[in-house]
Amino acid sequence: MLYNLLKAIGKVLFLFLGIKHEGLHNVPEEGAQIIASNHLSYYDPIVIALLIKRPIHYMAKEEFFQNKIFGKFLTSINAFPVKRGTADLGAIKNAIRILEKGEILGIFPEGTRRNVGTDVTAQAGTALIAMKTGACVIPVACIGTQHKIPFRTVKVVFGEPIKYDSENDRKINSKNLEALSKQIADEINLLRCK
């Protein structure tokens, strides 16, 4: 409920800011999917959520949830904590449950914010979750969110879904995890150039 209210308010505000987007038609209107984006600033999950019709459940660093009030706020807008720098099995299980319900998971495959111009390198967590659930991965590039809004143009580019052709592609082993992680990162890096 709070998610929808904030989204409505945000859409009005961002309408004046002129967020540009490309490839939004690549986001399926139903079914489990992972929104995998580069991460330049705290604005990234907001601008992506404003463009996609369905609610997104974002992984957010555990430190944000240490403040009880802010943690409750994040939980009320569909965010859940993840311990960075480790394989957080609780967060992975939570992500899998979300996707098994046919919902959208938002994740930043790098695990942290990066500077502009730095190529995206994806950690294996996004690929692992995708392989375990069969959810398609939508690569996304946020461009210009590192600037203080509303002083610069912000653009969000959605790539074509990354899907799996066979059960063999979904076998979870280091070779497939590495290949899918690289494919996700490569797609995001290509979108950043648009």
N, C-alpha and C. Protein backbone atom coordinates (compact mmCIF):
# COMPACT_ATOMS: atom_id res chain seq x y z
N MET A 1 0.83 -1.19 0.00
CA MET A 1 0.00 0.00 0.00
C MET A 1 0.88 1.26 0.00
N LEU A 2 1.84 1.32 0.95
CA LEU A 2 2.75 2.47 1.00
C LEU A 2 3.56 2.54 -0.30
N TYR A 3 3.93 1.37 -0.81
CA TYR A 3 4.68 1.30 -2.06
C TYR A 3 3.92 2.02 -3.17
N ASN A 4 2.63 1.69 -3.31
CA ASN A 4 1.81 2.30 -4.37
C ASN A 4 1.63 3.80 -4.17
N LEU A 5 1.46 4.23 -2.93
CA LEU A 5 1.31 5.65 -2.64
C LEU A 5 2.58 6.41 -3.01
N LEU A 6 3.72 5.90 -2.55
CA LEU A 6 5.00 6.56 -2.86
C LEU A 6 5.29 6.55 -4.36
N LYS A 7 4.89 5.48 -5.02
CA LYS A 7 5.10 5.40 -6.47
C LYS A 7 4.27 6.47 -7.18
N ALA A 8 3.04 6.66 -6.75
CA ALA A 8 2.18 7.68 -7.37
C ALA A 8 2.75 9.08 -7.16
N ILE A 9 3.20 9.36 -5.94
CA ILE A 9 3.81 10.67 -5.65
C ILE A 9 5.09 10.84 -6.46
N GLY A 10 5.90 9.78 -6.49
CA GLY A 10 7.16 9.83 -7.24
C GLY A 10 6.95 10.05 -8.72
N LYS A 11 5.91 9.44 -9.29
CA LYS A 11 5.64 9.62 -10.72
C LYS A 11 5.33 11.07 -11.04
N VAL A 12 4.57 11.71 -10.18
CA VAL A 12 4.24 13.12 -10.39
C VAL A 12 5.51 13.97 -10.33
N LEU A 13 6.33 13.73 -9.30
CA LEU A 13 7.57 14.50 -9.16
C LEU A 13 8.52 14.26 -10.33
N PHE A 14 8.70 13.00 -10.68
CA PHE A 14 9.65 12.67 -11.73
C PHE A 14 9.13 13.02 -13.13
N LEU A 15 7.83 13.22 -13.26
CA LEU A 15 7.27 13.67 -14.53
C LEU A 15 7.89 15.01 -14.92
N PHE A 16 8.06 15.86 -13.92
CA PHE A 16 8.65 17.18 -14.15
C PHE A 16 10.16 17.10 -14.40
N LEU A 17 10.77 16.02 -13.93
CA LEU A 17 12.22 15.88 -14.08
C LEU A 17 12.60 15.28 -15.43
N GLY A 18 11.64 14.72 -16.12
CA GLY A 18 11.90 14.20 -17.47
C GLY A 18 12.80 12.99 -17.53
N ILE A 19 12.46 11.96 -16.78
CA ILE A 19 13.21 10.71 -16.90
C ILE A 19 12.97 10.14 -18.29
N LYS A 20 14.05 9.85 -18.98
CA LYS A 20 13.93 9.24 -20.30
C LYS A 20 14.12 7.73 -20.14
N HIS A 21 13.48 7.00 -21.02
CA HIS A 21 13.67 5.55 -20.97
C HIS A 21 13.63 4.97 -22.37
N GLU A 22 14.21 3.79 -22.47
CA GLU A 22 14.29 3.09 -23.75
C GLU A 22 14.15 1.60 -23.45
N GLY A 23 13.41 0.91 -24.28
CA GLY A 23 13.31 -0.55 -24.16
C GLY A 23 12.37 -1.04 -23.08
N LEU A 24 11.51 -0.19 -22.58
CA LEU A 24 10.59 -0.60 -21.51
C LEU A 24 9.69 -1.76 -21.97
N HIS A 25 9.47 -1.87 -23.27
CA HIS A 25 8.68 -2.98 -23.81
C HIS A 25 9.35 -4.34 -23.57
N ASN A 26 10.64 -4.35 -23.21
CA ASN A 26 11.35 -5.59 -22.92
C ASN A 26 11.00 -6.19 -21.57
N VAL A 27 10.28 -5.43 -20.75
CA VAL A 27 9.90 -5.92 -19.42
C VAL A 27 8.54 -6.60 -19.54
N PRO A 28 8.48 -7.94 -19.36
CA PRO A 28 7.20 -8.64 -19.46
C PRO A 28 6.20 -8.12 -18.42
N GLU A 29 4.93 -8.13 -18.78
CA GLU A 29 3.90 -7.62 -17.88
C GLU A 29 3.51 -8.63 -16.82
N GLU A 30 3.97 -9.86 -16.95
CA GLU A 30 3.68 -10.87 -15.93
C GLU A 30 4.81 -11.87 -15.86
N GLY A 31 4.80 -12.65 -14.79
CA GLY A 31 5.80 -13.69 -14.62
C GLY A 31 7.01 -13.23 -13.82
N ALA A 32 7.72 -14.23 -13.32
CA ALA A 32 8.92 -13.97 -12.52
C ALA A 32 10.01 -13.38 -13.39
N GLN A 33 10.66 -12.35 -12.86
CA GLN A 33 11.78 -11.74 -13.58
C GLN A 33 12.71 -11.04 -12.60
N ILE A 34 13.94 -10.95 -13.02
CA ILE A 34 14.97 -10.29 -12.23
C ILE A 34 15.39 -9.04 -12.98
N ILE A 35 15.24 -7.89 -12.34
CA ILE A 35 15.73 -6.63 -12.89
C ILE A 35 17.17 -6.49 -12.39
N ALA A 36 18.14 -6.59 -13.29
CA ALA A 36 19.56 -6.53 -12.93
C ALA A 36 20.16 -5.26 -13.51
N SER A 37 20.54 -4.33 -12.64
CA SER A 37 20.98 -3.00 -13.09
C SER A 37 22.36 -2.65 -12.56
N ASN A 38 23.01 -1.75 -13.31
CA ASN A 38 24.20 -1.11 -12.75
C ASN A 38 23.74 -0.24 -11.58
N HIS A 39 24.69 0.23 -10.78
CA HIS A 39 24.30 0.96 -9.56
C HIS A 39 25.22 2.16 -9.37
N LEU A 40 24.70 3.34 -9.76
CA LEU A 40 25.46 4.58 -9.64
C LEU A 40 25.11 5.37 -8.38
N SER A 41 23.84 5.27 -7.95
CA SER A 41 23.41 6.08 -6.81
C SER A 41 22.19 5.47 -6.15
N TYR A 42 21.79 6.10 -5.05
CA TYR A 42 20.58 5.65 -4.34
C TYR A 42 19.31 5.94 -5.14
N TYR A 43 19.40 6.75 -6.18
CA TYR A 43 18.24 7.03 -7.03
C TYR A 43 17.88 5.84 -7.93
N ASP A 44 18.83 4.96 -8.21
CA ASP A 44 18.62 3.89 -9.19
C ASP A 44 17.36 3.06 -8.93
N PRO A 45 17.18 2.49 -7.73
CA PRO A 45 15.97 1.68 -7.54
C PRO A 45 14.69 2.50 -7.65
N ILE A 46 14.77 3.77 -7.33
CA ILE A 46 13.58 4.63 -7.39
C ILE A 46 13.17 4.86 -8.84
N VAL A 47 14.12 5.28 -9.68
CA VAL A 47 13.76 5.58 -11.07
C VAL A 47 13.31 4.33 -11.82
N ILE A 48 13.92 3.19 -11.52
CA ILE A 48 13.49 1.94 -12.16
C ILE A 48 12.07 1.59 -11.72
N ALA A 49 11.81 1.67 -10.42
CA ALA A 49 10.48 1.33 -9.90
C ALA A 49 9.39 2.24 -10.46
N LEU A 50 9.73 3.50 -10.71
CA LEU A 50 8.74 4.43 -11.25
C LEU A 50 8.35 4.07 -12.69
N LEU A 51 9.23 3.41 -13.40
CA LEU A 51 8.97 3.08 -14.80
C LEU A 51 8.25 1.75 -15.00
N ILE A 52 8.43 0.84 -14.07
CA ILE A 52 7.83 -0.50 -14.20
C ILE A 52 6.49 -0.54 -13.48
N LYS A 53 5.49 -1.08 -14.14
CA LYS A 53 4.13 -1.08 -13.58
C LYS A 53 4.00 -1.92 -12.31
N ARG A 54 4.63 -3.07 -12.29
CA ARG A 54 4.49 -3.99 -11.16
C ARG A 54 5.45 -3.64 -10.03
N PRO A 55 5.10 -4.01 -8.80
CA PRO A 55 6.01 -3.77 -7.67
C PRO A 55 7.31 -4.57 -7.83
N ILE A 56 8.39 -3.98 -7.37
CA ILE A 56 9.70 -4.63 -7.39
C ILE A 56 10.14 -4.86 -5.95
N HIS A 57 10.67 -6.05 -5.69
CA HIS A 57 11.23 -6.38 -4.38
C HIS A 57 12.74 -6.25 -4.50
N TYR A 58 13.29 -5.24 -3.84
CA TYR A 58 14.73 -4.99 -3.95
C TYR A 58 15.51 -5.57 -2.79
N MET A 59 16.68 -6.12 -3.12
CA MET A 59 17.66 -6.45 -2.10
C MET A 59 18.34 -5.14 -1.72
N ALA A 60 18.53 -4.92 -0.43
CA ALA A 60 19.21 -3.71 0.04
C ALA A 60 20.21 -4.11 1.12
N LYS A 61 21.30 -3.39 1.18
CA LYS A 61 22.34 -3.78 2.13
C LYS A 61 21.81 -3.78 3.56
N GLU A 62 22.24 -4.77 4.29
CA GLU A 62 21.77 -5.03 5.65
C GLU A 62 21.90 -3.81 6.56
N GLU A 63 22.93 -3.01 6.35
CA GLU A 63 23.17 -1.84 7.20
C GLU A 63 21.98 -0.88 7.21
N PHE A 64 21.24 -0.81 6.11
CA PHE A 64 20.07 0.08 6.04
C PHE A 64 18.99 -0.33 7.04
N PHE A 65 18.96 -1.59 7.41
CA PHE A 65 17.90 -2.11 8.28
C PHE A 65 18.28 -2.01 9.76
N GLN A 66 19.48 -1.54 10.07
CA GLN A 66 19.90 -1.43 11.47
C GLN A 66 19.13 -0.34 12.21
N ASN A 67 18.73 0.70 11.50
CA ASN A 67 17.85 1.71 12.08
C ASN A 67 16.43 1.15 11.98
N LYS A 68 15.79 0.92 13.12
CA LYS A 68 14.49 0.23 13.13
C LYS A 68 13.43 0.95 12.31
N ILE A 69 13.38 2.27 12.42
CA ILE A 69 12.36 3.03 11.69
C ILE A 69 12.61 2.94 10.18
N PHE A 70 13.86 3.19 9.78
CA PHE A 70 14.17 3.13 8.35
C PHE A 70 14.02 1.70 7.82
N GLY A 71 14.40 0.73 8.65
CA GLY A 71 14.25 -0.68 8.27
C GLY A 71 12.79 -1.05 8.02
N LYS A 72 11.90 -0.57 8.89
CA LYS A 72 10.46 -0.84 8.70
C LYS A 72 9.95 -0.16 7.44
N PHE A 73 10.44 1.05 7.21
CA PHE A 73 10.05 1.76 5.99
C PHE A 73 10.47 0.96 4.76
N LEU A 74 11.72 0.50 4.73
CA LEU A 74 12.22 -0.27 3.59
C LEU A 74 11.41 -1.55 3.39
N THR A 75 11.11 -2.22 4.50
CA THR A 75 10.31 -3.45 4.41
C THR A 75 8.93 -3.15 3.84
N SER A 76 8.35 -2.01 4.23
CA SER A 76 7.01 -1.65 3.74
C SER A 76 6.99 -1.32 2.25
N ILE A 77 8.15 -1.03 1.67
CA ILE A 77 8.20 -0.77 0.22
C ILE A 77 8.89 -1.93 -0.52
N ASN A 78 8.79 -3.11 0.08
CA ASN A 78 9.21 -4.37 -0.55
C ASN A 78 10.72 -4.62 -0.60
N ALA A 79 11.50 -3.91 0.18
CA ALA A 79 12.95 -4.18 0.22
C ALA A 79 13.22 -5.22 1.31
N PHE A 80 14.29 -5.96 1.15
CA PHE A 80 14.70 -6.91 2.18
C PHE A 80 16.23 -6.92 2.27
N PRO A 81 16.75 -7.24 3.47
CA PRO A 81 18.20 -7.11 3.68
C PRO A 81 19.02 -8.23 3.06
N VAL A 82 20.24 -7.87 2.68
CA VAL A 82 21.22 -8.83 2.21
C VAL A 82 22.57 -8.45 2.83
N LYS A 83 23.28 -9.47 3.31
CA LYS A 83 24.63 -9.25 3.84
C LYS A 83 25.58 -9.24 2.65
N ARG A 84 26.28 -8.15 2.50
CA ARG A 84 27.21 -8.03 1.38
C ARG A 84 28.52 -8.71 1.70
N GLY A 85 29.21 -9.15 0.65
CA GLY A 85 30.53 -9.74 0.82
C GLY A 85 30.49 -11.20 1.25
N THR A 86 29.31 -11.79 1.29
CA THR A 86 29.17 -13.18 1.68
C THR A 86 27.99 -13.79 0.95
N ALA A 87 27.93 -15.09 0.89
CA ALA A 87 26.76 -15.76 0.30
C ALA A 87 25.67 -15.78 1.36
N ASP A 88 24.77 -14.84 1.31
CA ASP A 88 23.70 -14.70 2.30
C ASP A 88 22.55 -15.64 1.91
N LEU A 89 22.55 -16.83 2.51
CA LEU A 89 21.55 -17.84 2.15
C LEU A 89 20.13 -17.39 2.46
N GLY A 90 19.95 -16.64 3.54
CA GLY A 90 18.62 -16.13 3.88
C GLY A 90 18.08 -15.21 2.80
N ALA A 91 18.93 -14.31 2.32
CA ALA A 91 18.51 -13.38 1.26
C ALA A 91 18.26 -14.12 -0.04
N ILE A 92 19.09 -15.11 -0.34
CA ILE A 92 18.89 -15.90 -1.56
C ILE A 92 17.57 -16.65 -1.50
N LYS A 93 17.27 -17.26 -0.35
CA LYS A 93 15.99 -17.98 -0.19
C LYS A 93 14.81 -17.02 -0.31
N ASN A 94 14.94 -15.85 0.25
CA ASN A 94 13.88 -14.84 0.15
C ASN A 94 13.66 -14.45 -1.31
N ALA A 95 14.75 -14.23 -2.04
CA ALA A 95 14.67 -13.88 -3.46
C ALA A 95 13.98 -14.99 -4.26
N ILE A 96 14.33 -16.23 -3.96
CA ILE A 96 13.73 -17.37 -4.66
C ILE A 96 12.23 -17.43 -4.38
N ARG A 97 11.82 -17.21 -3.13
CA ARG A 97 10.39 -17.21 -2.78
C ARG A 97 9.63 -16.14 -3.57
N ILE A 98 10.22 -14.97 -3.67
CA ILE A 98 9.60 -13.87 -4.43
C ILE A 98 9.37 -14.28 -5.88
N LEU A 99 10.39 -14.86 -6.49
CA LEU A 99 10.30 -15.25 -7.89
C LEU A 99 9.36 -16.44 -8.09
N GLU A 100 9.32 -17.35 -7.13
CA GLU A 100 8.40 -18.49 -7.23
C GLU A 100 6.94 -18.04 -7.19
N LYS A 101 6.69 -16.86 -6.63
CA LYS A 101 5.33 -16.30 -6.62
C LYS A 101 5.04 -15.52 -7.91
N GLY A 102 6.00 -15.50 -8.83
CA GLY A 102 5.80 -14.81 -10.11
C GLY A 102 6.01 -13.31 -10.02
N GLU A 103 6.75 -12.86 -9.03
CA GLU A 103 6.95 -11.43 -8.83
C GLU A 103 8.30 -10.97 -9.38
N ILE A 104 8.61 -9.69 -9.18
CA ILE A 104 9.85 -9.10 -9.72
C ILE A 104 10.86 -8.88 -8.60
N LEU A 105 12.08 -9.32 -8.85
CA LEU A 105 13.20 -9.10 -7.94
C LEU A 105 14.11 -8.05 -8.55
N GLY A 106 14.47 -7.04 -7.78
CA GLY A 106 15.43 -6.04 -8.22
C GLY A 106 16.76 -6.28 -7.54
N ILE A 107 17.82 -6.31 -8.32
CA ILE A 107 19.13 -6.61 -7.76
C ILE A 107 20.21 -5.83 -8.52
N PHE A 108 21.24 -5.47 -7.80
CA PHE A 108 22.40 -4.82 -8.41
C PHE A 108 23.53 -5.85 -8.39
N PRO A 109 23.80 -6.51 -9.52
CA PRO A 109 24.73 -7.64 -9.57
C PRO A 109 26.13 -7.33 -9.07
N GLU A 110 26.51 -6.06 -9.07
CA GLU A 110 27.85 -5.69 -8.58
C GLU A 110 27.94 -5.77 -7.07
N GLY A 111 26.80 -5.65 -6.40
CA GLY A 111 26.77 -5.71 -4.95
C GLY A 111 27.05 -4.38 -4.26
N THR A 112 27.33 -3.35 -5.02
CA THR A 112 27.61 -2.03 -4.45
C THR A 112 27.51 -0.98 -5.55
N ARG A 113 27.57 0.29 -5.15
CA ARG A 113 27.57 1.36 -6.15
C ARG A 113 28.95 1.48 -6.77
N ARG A 114 28.98 1.89 -8.03
CA ARG A 114 30.24 2.07 -8.77
C ARG A 114 30.28 3.46 -9.38
N ASN A 115 31.47 3.91 -9.69
CA ASN A 115 31.65 5.19 -10.37
C ASN A 115 31.27 5.08 -11.84
N VAL A 116 30.88 6.20 -12.41
CA VAL A 116 30.58 6.27 -13.84
C VAL A 116 31.83 5.87 -14.62
N GLY A 117 31.63 5.12 -15.69
CA GLY A 117 32.75 4.73 -16.53
C GLY A 117 33.39 3.42 -16.11
N THR A 118 33.04 2.92 -14.93
CA THR A 118 33.57 1.64 -14.47
C THR A 118 32.69 0.53 -15.03
N ASP A 119 33.30 -0.43 -15.71
CA ASP A 119 32.51 -1.54 -16.24
C ASP A 119 31.86 -2.34 -15.12
N VAL A 120 30.66 -2.80 -15.39
CA VAL A 120 29.93 -3.64 -14.45
C VAL A 120 30.57 -5.02 -14.44
N THR A 121 30.79 -5.55 -13.26
CA THR A 121 31.22 -6.93 -13.08
C THR A 121 30.21 -7.57 -12.14
N ALA A 122 29.55 -8.61 -12.59
CA ALA A 122 28.47 -9.21 -11.81
C ALA A 122 29.00 -10.31 -10.90
N GLN A 123 28.58 -10.26 -9.65
CA GLN A 123 28.84 -11.36 -8.74
C GLN A 123 27.92 -12.52 -9.12
N ALA A 124 28.19 -13.69 -8.60
CA ALA A 124 27.47 -14.89 -9.01
C ALA A 124 26.05 -15.00 -8.46
N GLY A 125 25.69 -14.18 -7.47
CA GLY A 125 24.38 -14.31 -6.83
C GLY A 125 23.20 -14.16 -7.77
N THR A 126 23.26 -13.19 -8.66
CA THR A 126 22.17 -12.98 -9.61
C THR A 126 21.99 -14.20 -10.51
N ALA A 127 23.09 -14.72 -11.02
CA ALA A 127 23.03 -15.90 -11.88
C ALA A 127 22.51 -17.11 -11.11
N LEU A 128 22.94 -17.27 -9.88
CA LEU A 128 22.49 -18.39 -9.05
C LEU A 128 20.97 -18.35 -8.86
N ILE A 129 20.46 -17.19 -8.51
CA ILE A 129 19.01 -17.04 -8.29
C ILE A 129 18.25 -17.29 -9.59
N ALA A 130 18.76 -16.78 -10.69
CA ALA A 130 18.10 -16.99 -11.99
C ALA A 130 18.09 -18.47 -12.36
N MET A 131 19.20 -19.15 -12.15
CA MET A 131 19.28 -20.56 -12.50
C MET A 131 18.38 -21.42 -11.61
N LYS A 132 18.30 -21.08 -10.35
CA LYS A 132 17.47 -21.86 -9.43
C LYS A 132 15.98 -21.70 -9.73
N THR A 133 15.58 -20.54 -10.26
CA THR A 133 14.16 -20.26 -10.45
C THR A 133 13.71 -20.31 -11.91
N GLY A 134 14.63 -20.18 -12.84
CA GLY A 134 14.25 -20.10 -14.25
C GLY A 134 13.70 -18.74 -14.65
N ALA A 135 13.78 -17.77 -13.74
CA ALA A 135 13.30 -16.42 -14.05
C ALA A 135 14.18 -15.78 -15.11
N CYS A 136 13.57 -15.01 -16.00
CA CYS A 136 14.37 -14.28 -16.98
C CYS A 136 15.04 -13.09 -16.28
N VAL A 137 16.17 -12.70 -16.81
CA VAL A 137 16.92 -11.56 -16.28
C VAL A 137 16.78 -10.41 -17.27
N ILE A 138 16.31 -9.27 -16.77
CA ILE A 138 16.20 -8.07 -17.60
C ILE A 138 17.39 -7.17 -17.27
N PRO A 139 18.37 -7.05 -18.19
CA PRO A 139 19.49 -6.15 -17.92
C PRO A 139 19.03 -4.70 -18.05
N VAL A 140 19.50 -3.86 -17.14
CA VAL A 140 19.08 -2.46 -17.10
C VAL A 140 20.31 -1.58 -16.88
N ALA A 141 20.34 -0.45 -17.58
CA ALA A 141 21.40 0.54 -17.36
C ALA A 141 20.77 1.85 -16.93
N CYS A 142 21.22 2.34 -15.78
CA CYS A 142 20.83 3.68 -15.31
C CYS A 142 21.93 4.63 -15.74
N ILE A 143 21.54 5.72 -16.38
CA ILE A 143 22.51 6.69 -16.89
C ILE A 143 22.15 8.06 -16.33
N GLY A 144 23.10 8.70 -15.68
CA GLY A 144 22.89 10.05 -15.16
C GLY A 144 22.36 10.12 -13.74
N THR A 145 22.11 8.99 -13.10
CA THR A 145 21.56 9.03 -11.74
C THR A 145 22.59 9.45 -10.70
N GLN A 146 23.85 9.49 -11.08
CA GLN A 146 24.88 9.91 -10.13
C GLN A 146 24.83 11.41 -9.85
N HIS A 147 24.14 12.15 -10.71
CA HIS A 147 24.02 13.60 -10.53
C HIS A 147 22.87 13.91 -9.59
N LYS A 148 22.92 15.07 -9.01
CA LYS A 148 21.82 15.49 -8.15
C LYS A 148 20.62 15.81 -9.02
N ILE A 149 19.57 15.04 -8.81
CA ILE A 149 18.32 15.28 -9.53
C ILE A 149 17.73 16.55 -8.95
N PRO A 150 17.20 17.49 -9.66
CA PRO A 150 16.74 17.49 -11.03
C PRO A 150 17.67 18.19 -12.01
N PHE A 151 18.92 18.31 -11.70
CA PHE A 151 19.79 19.16 -12.51
C PHE A 151 20.36 18.49 -13.75
N ARG A 152 20.19 17.21 -13.90
CA ARG A 152 20.73 16.50 -15.05
C ARG A 152 19.68 15.55 -15.62
N THR A 153 19.89 15.15 -16.85
CA THR A 153 19.00 14.18 -17.48
C THR A 153 19.30 12.78 -16.96
N VAL A 154 18.24 12.06 -16.68
CA VAL A 154 18.36 10.67 -16.25
C VAL A 154 17.73 9.80 -17.33
N LYS A 155 18.43 8.73 -17.68
CA LYS A 155 17.91 7.80 -18.68
C LYS A 155 18.04 6.38 -18.14
N VAL A 156 17.02 5.58 -18.38
CA VAL A 156 17.04 4.17 -17.98
C VAL A 156 16.81 3.34 -19.25
N VAL A 157 17.73 2.42 -19.51
CA VAL A 157 17.65 1.59 -20.71
C VAL A 157 17.43 0.13 -20.29
N PHE A 158 16.36 -0.46 -20.80
CA PHE A 158 16.01 -1.85 -20.50
C PHE A 158 16.40 -2.72 -21.69
N GLY A 159 17.19 -3.75 -21.43
CA GLY A 159 17.60 -4.66 -22.49
C GLY A 159 16.64 -5.81 -22.67
N GLU A 160 16.90 -6.62 -23.68
CA GLU A 160 16.08 -7.79 -23.94
C GLU A 160 16.29 -8.82 -22.83
N PRO A 161 15.23 -9.55 -22.47
CA PRO A 161 15.36 -10.56 -21.41
C PRO A 161 16.40 -11.62 -21.76
N ILE A 162 17.15 -12.00 -20.77
CA ILE A 162 18.10 -13.11 -20.91
C ILE A 162 17.35 -14.34 -20.42
N LYS A 163 17.14 -15.29 -21.34
CA LYS A 163 16.38 -16.50 -21.02
C LYS A 163 17.28 -17.72 -21.22
N TYR A 164 16.77 -18.85 -20.80
CA TYR A 164 17.54 -20.10 -20.91
C TYR A 164 16.89 -20.98 -21.95
N ASP A 165 17.72 -21.63 -22.77
CA ASP A 165 17.19 -22.46 -23.85
C ASP A 165 16.92 -23.90 -23.43
N SER A 166 17.64 -24.37 -22.43
CA SER A 166 17.46 -25.77 -22.04
C SER A 166 17.74 -25.95 -20.56
N GLU A 167 17.34 -27.10 -20.06
CA GLU A 167 17.62 -27.44 -18.66
C GLU A 167 19.13 -27.50 -18.42
N ASN A 168 19.88 -27.91 -19.44
CA ASN A 168 21.33 -28.01 -19.30
C ASN A 168 21.95 -26.66 -18.98
N ASP A 169 21.40 -25.59 -19.58
CA ASP A 169 21.92 -24.25 -19.31
C ASP A 169 21.70 -23.85 -17.85
N ARG A 170 20.70 -24.46 -17.21
CA ARG A 170 20.37 -24.09 -15.83
C ARG A 170 21.09 -24.95 -14.81
N LYS A 171 21.90 -25.90 -15.25
CA LYS A 171 22.68 -26.69 -14.29
C LYS A 171 23.56 -25.74 -13.51
N ILE A 172 23.50 -25.86 -12.21
CA ILE A 172 24.27 -24.93 -11.39
C ILE A 172 25.66 -25.51 -11.16
N ASN A 173 26.61 -24.93 -11.86
CA ASN A 173 28.01 -25.26 -11.66
C ASN A 173 28.81 -23.98 -11.91
N SER A 174 30.06 -24.00 -11.55
CA SER A 174 30.85 -22.77 -11.63
C SER A 174 30.96 -22.25 -13.07
N LYS A 175 31.03 -23.15 -14.04
CA LYS A 175 31.14 -22.73 -15.44
C LYS A 175 29.89 -21.96 -15.87
N ASN A 176 28.71 -22.51 -15.59
CA ASN A 176 27.46 -21.85 -15.98
C ASN A 176 27.21 -20.57 -15.19
N LEU A 177 27.55 -20.58 -13.90
CA LEU A 177 27.40 -19.36 -13.09
C LEU A 177 28.27 -18.24 -13.64
N GLU A 178 29.50 -18.59 -13.96
CA GLU A 178 30.43 -17.59 -14.50
C GLU A 178 29.96 -17.08 -15.86
N ALA A 179 29.48 -17.99 -16.71
CA ALA A 179 29.03 -17.59 -18.05
C ALA A 179 27.81 -16.67 -17.97
N LEU A 180 26.84 -17.02 -17.12
CA LEU A 180 25.64 -16.18 -17.01
C LEU A 180 25.98 -14.84 -16.35
N SER A 181 26.83 -14.86 -15.34
CA SER A 181 27.24 -13.60 -14.69
C SER A 181 27.92 -12.68 -15.69
N LYS A 182 28.78 -13.25 -16.52
CA LYS A 182 29.46 -12.45 -17.54
C LYS A 182 28.46 -11.91 -18.57
N GLN A 183 27.50 -12.74 -18.98
CA GLN A 183 26.50 -12.30 -19.95
C GLN A 183 25.68 -11.14 -19.39
N ILE A 184 25.27 -11.24 -18.13
CA ILE A 184 24.50 -10.17 -17.49
C ILE A 184 25.32 -8.88 -17.47
N ALA A 185 26.57 -8.98 -17.02
CA ALA A 185 27.44 -7.80 -16.95
C ALA A 185 27.68 -7.20 -18.34
N ASP A 186 27.94 -8.06 -19.32
CA ASP A 186 28.19 -7.58 -20.69
C ASP A 186 26.98 -6.84 -21.25
N GLU A 187 25.79 -7.38 -21.01
CA GLU A 187 24.56 -6.73 -21.50
C GLU A 187 24.36 -5.37 -20.85
N ILE A 188 24.58 -5.29 -19.54
CA ILE A 188 24.43 -4.00 -18.85
C ILE A 188 25.45 -3.01 -19.39
N ASN A 189 26.68 -3.45 -19.59
CA ASN A 189 27.72 -2.56 -20.11
C ASN A 189 27.37 -2.04 -21.51
N LEU A 190 26.79 -2.89 -22.35
CA LEU A 190 26.36 -2.44 -23.68
C LEU A 190 25.25 -1.40 -23.58
N LEU A 191 24.31 -1.62 -22.68
CA LEU A 191 23.19 -0.69 -22.52
C LEU A 191 23.66 0.67 -22.01
N ARG A 192 24.73 0.69 -21.23
CA ARG A 192 25.25 1.95 -20.69
C ARG A 192 25.73 2.88 -21.80
N CYS A 193 26.04 2.31 -22.96
CA CYS A 193 26.56 3.10 -24.09
C CYS A 193 25.46 3.71 -24.94
N LYS A 194 24.20 3.44 -24.63
CA LYS A 194 23.09 3.95 -25.46
C LYS A 194 22.72 5.36 -25.09
